[in-house]
């Protein structure tokens, strides 16, 4: 096996590993973004509900 062929195989393996790592990181960021969005939505709803309840109770 020539050195050029070995280099090509090693280069391809590194590229695949880099792509796999990048895809994993993108997936983690996407999941984190969704979790934050859900938290903010829940917090916003509970905040609105608490404000509405406090206003109704104050009357």
PDB file of N, CA and C in Angstrom:
ATOM      1  N   UNK A   1       0.853  -1.165   0.000  1.00  0.00           N
ATOM      2  CA  UNK A   1       0.000   0.000   0.000  1.00  0.00           C
ATOM      3  C   UNK A   1       0.903   1.234   0.000  1.00  0.00           C
ATOM      4  N   UNK A   2       0.652   2.158  -0.893  1.00  0.00           N
ATOM      5  CA  UNK A   2       1.516   3.331  -1.003  1.00  0.00           C
ATOM      6  C   UNK A   2       1.208   4.325   0.115  1.00  0.00           C
ATOM      7  N   UNK A   3       2.152   5.186   0.356  1.00  0.00           N
ATOM      8  CA  UNK A   3       1.975   6.183   1.413  1.00  0.00           C
ATOM      9  C   UNK A   3       0.854   7.166   1.074  1.00  0.00           C
ATOM     10  N   UNK A   4       0.671   7.437  -0.214  1.00  0.00           N
ATOM     11  CA  UNK A   4      -0.425   8.326  -0.619  1.00  0.00           C
ATOM     12  C   UNK A   4      -1.768   7.685  -0.278  1.00  0.00           C
ATOM     13  N   UNK A   5      -1.892   6.396  -0.524  1.00  0.00           N
ATOM     14  CA  UNK A   5      -3.129   5.681  -0.230  1.00  0.00           C
ATOM     15  C   UNK A   5      -3.400   5.667   1.277  1.00  0.00           C
ATOM     16  N   UNK A   6      -2.350   5.439   2.074  1.00  0.00           N
ATOM     17  CA  UNK A   6      -2.508   5.449   3.536  1.00  0.00           C
ATOM     18  C   UNK A   6      -2.923   6.832   4.020  1.00  0.00           C
ATOM     19  N   UNK A   7      -2.287   7.865   3.443  1.00  0.00           N
ATOM     20  CA  UNK A   7      -2.636   9.234   3.825  1.00  0.00           C
ATOM     21  C   UNK A   7      -4.104   9.522   3.477  1.00  0.00           C
ATOM     22  N   UNK A   8      -4.546   9.114   2.311  1.00  0.00           N
ATOM     23  CA  UNK A   8      -5.931   9.345   1.885  1.00  0.00           C
ATOM     24  C   UNK A   8      -6.914   8.659   2.824  1.00  0.00           C
ATOM     25  N   UNK A   9      -6.611   7.432   3.205  1.00  0.00           N
ATOM     26  CA  UNK A   9      -7.494   6.710   4.118  1.00  0.00           C
ATOM     27  C   UNK A   9      -7.535   7.388   5.486  1.00  0.00           C
ATOM     28  N   UNK A  10      -6.369   7.778   5.989  1.00  0.00           N
ATOM     29  CA  UNK A  10      -6.314   8.446   7.293  1.00  0.00           C
ATOM     30  C   UNK A  10      -7.037   9.790   7.241  1.00  0.00           C
ATOM     31  N   UNK A  11      -6.856  10.512   6.151  1.00  0.00           N
ATOM     32  CA  UNK A  11      -7.525  11.799   5.998  1.00  0.00           C
ATOM     33  C   UNK A  11      -9.040  11.619   5.977  1.00  0.00           C
ATOM     34  N   UNK A  12      -9.501  10.624   5.269  1.00  0.00           N
ATOM     35  CA  UNK A  12     -10.931  10.345   5.207  1.00  0.00           C
ATOM     36  C   UNK A  12     -11.470   9.965   6.584  1.00  0.00           C
ATOM     37  N   UNK A  13     -10.742   9.151   7.313  1.00  0.00           N
ATOM     38  CA  UNK A  13     -11.177   8.761   8.652  1.00  0.00           C
ATOM     39  C   UNK A  13     -11.281   9.968   9.567  1.00  0.00           C
ATOM     40  N   UNK A  14     -10.313  10.887   9.484  1.00  0.00           N
ATOM     41  CA  UNK A  14     -10.371  12.120  10.293  1.00  0.00           C
ATOM     42  C   UNK A  14     -11.567  12.972   9.891  1.00  0.00           C
ATOM     43  N   UNK A  15     -11.826  13.071   8.596  1.00  0.00           N
ATOM     44  CA  UNK A  15     -12.961  13.862   8.121  1.00  0.00           C
ATOM     45  C   UNK A  15     -14.282  13.281   8.627  1.00  0.00           C
ATOM     46  N   UNK A  16     -14.409  11.972   8.586  1.00  0.00           N
ATOM     47  CA  UNK A  16     -15.627  11.319   9.077  1.00  0.00           C
ATOM     48  C   UNK A  16     -15.773  11.555  10.583  1.00  0.00           C
ATOM     49  N   UNK A  17     -14.690  11.431  11.323  1.00  0.00           N
ATOM     50  CA  UNK A  17     -14.740  11.666  12.770  1.00  0.00           C
ATOM     51  C   UNK A  17     -15.116  13.113  13.074  1.00  0.00           C
ATOM     52  N   UNK A  18     -14.562  14.053  12.330  1.00  0.00           N
ATOM     53  CA  UNK A  18     -14.904  15.469  12.522  1.00  0.00           C
ATOM     54  C   UNK A  18     -16.379  15.720  12.206  1.00  0.00           C
ATOM     55  N   UNK A  19     -16.867  15.136  11.130  1.00  0.00           N
ATOM     56  CA  UNK A  19     -18.270  15.316  10.759  1.00  0.00           C
ATOM     57  C   UNK A  19     -19.189  14.718  11.815  1.00  0.00           C
ATOM     58  N   UNK A  20     -18.816  13.563  12.343  1.00  0.00           N
ATOM     59  CA  UNK A  20     -19.617  12.920  13.391  1.00  0.00           C
ATOM     60  C   UNK A  20     -19.655  13.793  14.646  1.00  0.00           C
ATOM     61  N   UNK A  21     -18.516  14.334  15.028  1.00  0.00           N
ATOM     62  CA  UNK A  21     -18.455  15.205  16.207  1.00  0.00           C
ATOM     63  C   UNK A  21     -19.285  16.471  15.991  1.00  0.00           C
ATOM     64  N   UNK A  22     -19.213  17.048  14.809  1.00  0.00           N
ATOM     65  CA  UNK A  22     -19.983  18.252  14.513  1.00  0.00           C
ATOM     66  C   UNK A  22     -21.477  17.964  14.538  1.00  0.00           C
ATOM     67  N   UNK A  23     -21.887  16.841  13.991  1.00  0.00           N
ATOM     68  CA  UNK A  23     -23.304  16.481  13.997  1.00  0.00           C
ATOM     69  C   UNK A  23     -23.806  16.261  15.418  1.00  0.00           C
ATOM     70  N   UNK A  24     -22.987  15.635  16.241  1.00  0.00           N
ATOM     71  CA  UNK A  24     -23.358  15.416  17.634  1.00  0.00           C
ATOM     72  C   UNK A  24     -23.517  16.744  18.360  1.00  0.00           C
ATOM     73  N   UNK A  25     -22.593  17.662  18.153  1.00  0.00           N
ATOM     74  CA  UNK A  25     -22.659  18.975  18.801  1.00  0.00           C
ATOM     75  C   UNK A  25     -23.889  19.750  18.332  1.00  0.00           C
ATOM     76  N   UNK A  26     -24.187  19.693  17.038  1.00  0.00           N
ATOM     77  CA  UNK A  26     -25.385  20.369  16.513  1.00  0.00           C
ATOM     78  C   UNK A  26     -26.650  19.792  17.143  1.00  0.00           C
ATOM     79  N   UNK A  27     -26.693  18.496  17.303  1.00  0.00           N
ATOM     80  CA  UNK A  27     -27.851  17.856  17.934  1.00  0.00           C
ATOM     81  C   UNK A  27     -27.992  18.280  19.381  1.00  0.00           C
ATOM     82  N   UNK A  28     -26.899  18.336  20.092  1.00  0.00           N
ATOM     83  CA  UNK A  28     -26.941  18.775  21.498  1.00  0.00           C
ATOM     84  C   UNK A  28     -27.447  20.202  21.602  1.00  0.00           C
ATOM     85  N   UNK A  29     -26.949  21.080  20.739  1.00  0.00           N
ATOM     86  CA  UNK A  29     -27.385  22.472  20.762  1.00  0.00           C
ATOM     87  C   UNK A  29     -28.873  22.594  20.427  1.00  0.00           C
ATOM     88  N   UNK A  30     -29.330  21.792  19.467  1.00  0.00           N
ATOM     89  CA  UNK A  30     -30.747  21.815  19.090  1.00  0.00           C
ATOM     90  C   UNK A  30     -31.607  21.378  20.271  1.00  0.00           C
ATOM     91  N   UNK A  31     -31.215  20.310  20.950  1.00  0.00           N
ATOM     92  CA  UNK A  31     -31.967  19.822  22.110  1.00  0.00           C
ATOM     93  C   UNK A  31     -31.966  20.877  23.211  1.00  0.00           C
ATOM     94  N   UNK A  32     -30.818  21.486  23.457  1.00  0.00           N
ATOM     95  CA  UNK A  32     -30.731  22.519  24.487  1.00  0.00           C
ATOM     96  C   UNK A  32     -31.640  23.692  24.144  1.00  0.00           C
ATOM     97  N   UNK A  33     -31.647  24.095  22.882  1.00  0.00           N
ATOM     98  CA  UNK A  33     -32.487  25.218  22.449  1.00  0.00           C
ATOM     99  C   UNK A  33     -33.961  24.902  22.689  1.00  0.00           C
ATOM    100  N   UNK A  34     -34.374  23.680  22.375  1.00  0.00           N
ATOM    101  CA  UNK A  34     -35.772  23.279  22.578  1.00  0.00           C
ATOM    102  C   UNK A  34     -36.102  23.259  24.069  1.00  0.00           C
ATOM    103  N   UNK A  35     -35.194  22.749  24.882  1.00  0.00           N
ATOM    104  CA  UNK A  35     -35.431  22.712  26.326  1.00  0.00           C
ATOM    105  C   UNK A  35     -35.583  24.116  26.890  1.00  0.00           C
ATOM    106  N   UNK A  36     -34.748  25.031  26.451  1.00  0.00           N
ATOM    107  CA  UNK A  36     -34.836  26.419  26.922  1.00  0.00           C
ATOM    108  C   UNK A  36     -36.145  27.036  26.461  1.00  0.00           C
ATOM    109  N   UNK A  37     -36.523  26.786  25.221  1.00  0.00           N
ATOM    110  CA  UNK A  37     -37.778  27.319  24.698  1.00  0.00           C
ATOM    111  C   UNK A  37     -38.959  26.809  25.515  1.00  0.00           C
ATOM    112  N   UNK A  38     -38.981  25.521  25.816  1.00  0.00           N
ATOM    113  CA  UNK A  38     -40.064  24.955  26.622  1.00  0.00           C
ATOM    114  C   UNK A  38     -40.080  25.561  28.023  1.00  0.00           C
ATOM    115  N   UNK A  39     -38.910  25.744  28.616  1.00  0.00           N
ATOM    116  CA  UNK A  39     -38.829  26.340  29.949  1.00  0.00           C
ATOM    117  C   UNK A  39     -39.387  27.757  29.929  1.00  0.00           C
ATOM    118  N   UNK A  40     -38.972  28.542  28.941  1.00  0.00           N
ATOM    119  CA  UNK A  40     -39.430  29.932  28.851  1.00  0.00           C
ATOM    120  C   UNK A  40     -40.940  29.972  28.628  1.00  0.00           C
ATOM    121  N   UNK A  41     -41.449  29.096  27.771  1.00  0.00           N
ATOM    122  CA  UNK A  41     -42.893  29.052  27.551  1.00  0.00           C
ATOM    123  C   UNK A  41     -43.634  28.694  28.835  1.00  0.00           C
ATOM    124  N   UNK A  42     -43.144  27.710  29.556  1.00  0.00           N
ATOM    125  CA  UNK A  42     -43.790  27.315  30.819  1.00  0.00           C
ATOM    126  C   UNK A  42     -43.698  28.433  31.838  1.00  0.00           C
ATOM    127  N   UNK A  43     -42.549  29.060  31.937  1.00  0.00           N
ATOM    128  CA  UNK A  43     -42.356  30.150  32.892  1.00  0.00           C
ATOM    129  C   UNK A  43     -43.290  31.300  32.542  1.00  0.00           C
ATOM    130  N   UNK A  44     -43.401  31.613  31.272  1.00  0.00           N
ATOM    131  CA  UNK A  44     -44.275  32.685  30.826  1.00  0.00           C
ATOM    132  C   UNK A  44     -45.729  32.386  31.141  1.00  0.00           C
ATOM    133  N   UNK A  45     -46.154  31.147  30.925  1.00  0.00           N
ATOM    134  CA  UNK A  45     -47.531  30.761  31.215  1.00  0.00           C
ATOM    135  C   UNK A  45     -47.804  30.820  32.705  1.00  0.00           C
ATOM    136  N   UNK A  46     -46.893  30.278  33.495  1.00  0.00           N
ATOM    137  CA  UNK A  46     -47.120  30.282  34.942  1.00  0.00           C
ATOM    138  C   UNK A  46     -47.073  31.703  35.482  1.00  0.00           C
ATOM    139  N   UNK A  47     -46.264  32.558  34.888  1.00  0.00           N
ATOM    140  CA  UNK A  47     -46.181  33.945  35.313  1.00  0.00           C
ATOM    141  C   UNK A  47     -47.479  34.670  35.001  1.00  0.00           C
ATOM    142  N   UNK A  48     -48.020  34.441  33.810  1.00  0.00           N
ATOM    143  CA  UNK A  48     -49.289  35.064  33.421  1.00  0.00           C
ATOM    144  C   UNK A  48     -50.414  34.553  34.314  1.00  0.00           C
ATOM    145  N   UNK A  49     -50.434  33.254  34.556  1.00  0.00           N
ATOM    146  CA  UNK A  49     -51.470  32.679  35.413  1.00  0.00           C
ATOM    147  C   UNK A  49     -51.378  33.239  36.828  1.00  0.00           C
ATOM    148  N   UNK A  50     -50.164  33.366  37.363  1.00  0.00           N
ATOM    149  CA  UNK A  50     -49.982  33.903  38.716  1.00  0.00           C
ATOM    150  C   UNK A  50     -50.415  35.365  38.772  1.00  0.00           C
ATOM    151  N   UNK A  51     -50.097  36.132  37.747  1.00  0.00           N
ATOM    152  CA  UNK A  51     -50.470  37.542  37.711  1.00  0.00           C
ATOM    153  C   UNK A  51     -51.989  37.679  37.630  1.00  0.00           C
ATOM    154  N   UNK A  52     -52.595  36.869  36.793  1.00  0.00           N
ATOM    155  CA  UNK A  52     -54.060  36.899  36.655  1.00  0.00           C
ATOM    156  C   UNK A  52     -54.729  36.507  37.965  1.00  0.00           C
ATOM    157  N   UNK A  53     -54.212  35.483  38.605  1.00  0.00           N
ATOM    158  CA  UNK A  53     -54.764  35.038  39.878  1.00  0.00           C
ATOM    159  C   UNK A  53     -54.587  36.096  40.944  1.00  0.00           C
ATOM    160  N   UNK A  54     -53.415  36.722  41.000  1.00  0.00           N
ATOM    161  CA  UNK A  54     -53.169  37.776  41.991  1.00  0.00           C
ATOM    162  C   UNK A  54     -54.090  38.962  41.748  1.00  0.00           C
ATOM    163  N   UNK A  55     -54.323  39.329  40.505  1.00  0.00           N
ATOM    164  CA  UNK A  55     -55.204  40.444  40.189  1.00  0.00           C
ATOM    165  C   UNK A  55     -56.635  40.112  40.569  1.00  0.00           C
ATOM    166  N   UNK A  56     -57.068  38.887  40.354  1.00  0.00           N
ATOM    167  CA  UNK A  56     -58.426  38.480  40.705  1.00  0.00           C
ATOM    168  C   UNK A  56     -58.601  38.443  42.204  1.00  0.00           C
ATOM    169  N   UNK A  57     -57.587  38.035  42.924  1.00  0.00           N
ATOM    170  CA  UNK A  57     -57.659  37.946  44.366  1.00  0.00           C
ATOM    171  C   UNK A  57     -57.638  39.321  45.013  1.00  0.00           C
ATOM    172  N   UNK A  58     -56.966  40.262  44.408  1.00  0.00           N
ATOM    173  CA  UNK A  58     -56.819  41.605  44.961  1.00  0.00           C
ATOM    174  C   UNK A  58     -58.124  42.392  44.906  1.00  0.00           C
ATOM    175  N   UNK A  59     -59.025  42.014  44.039  1.00  0.00           N
ATOM    176  CA  UNK A  59     -60.286  42.778  43.894  1.00  0.00           C
ATOM    177  C   UNK A  59     -61.198  42.549  45.005  1.00  0.00           C
TER     178      UNK A  59
END
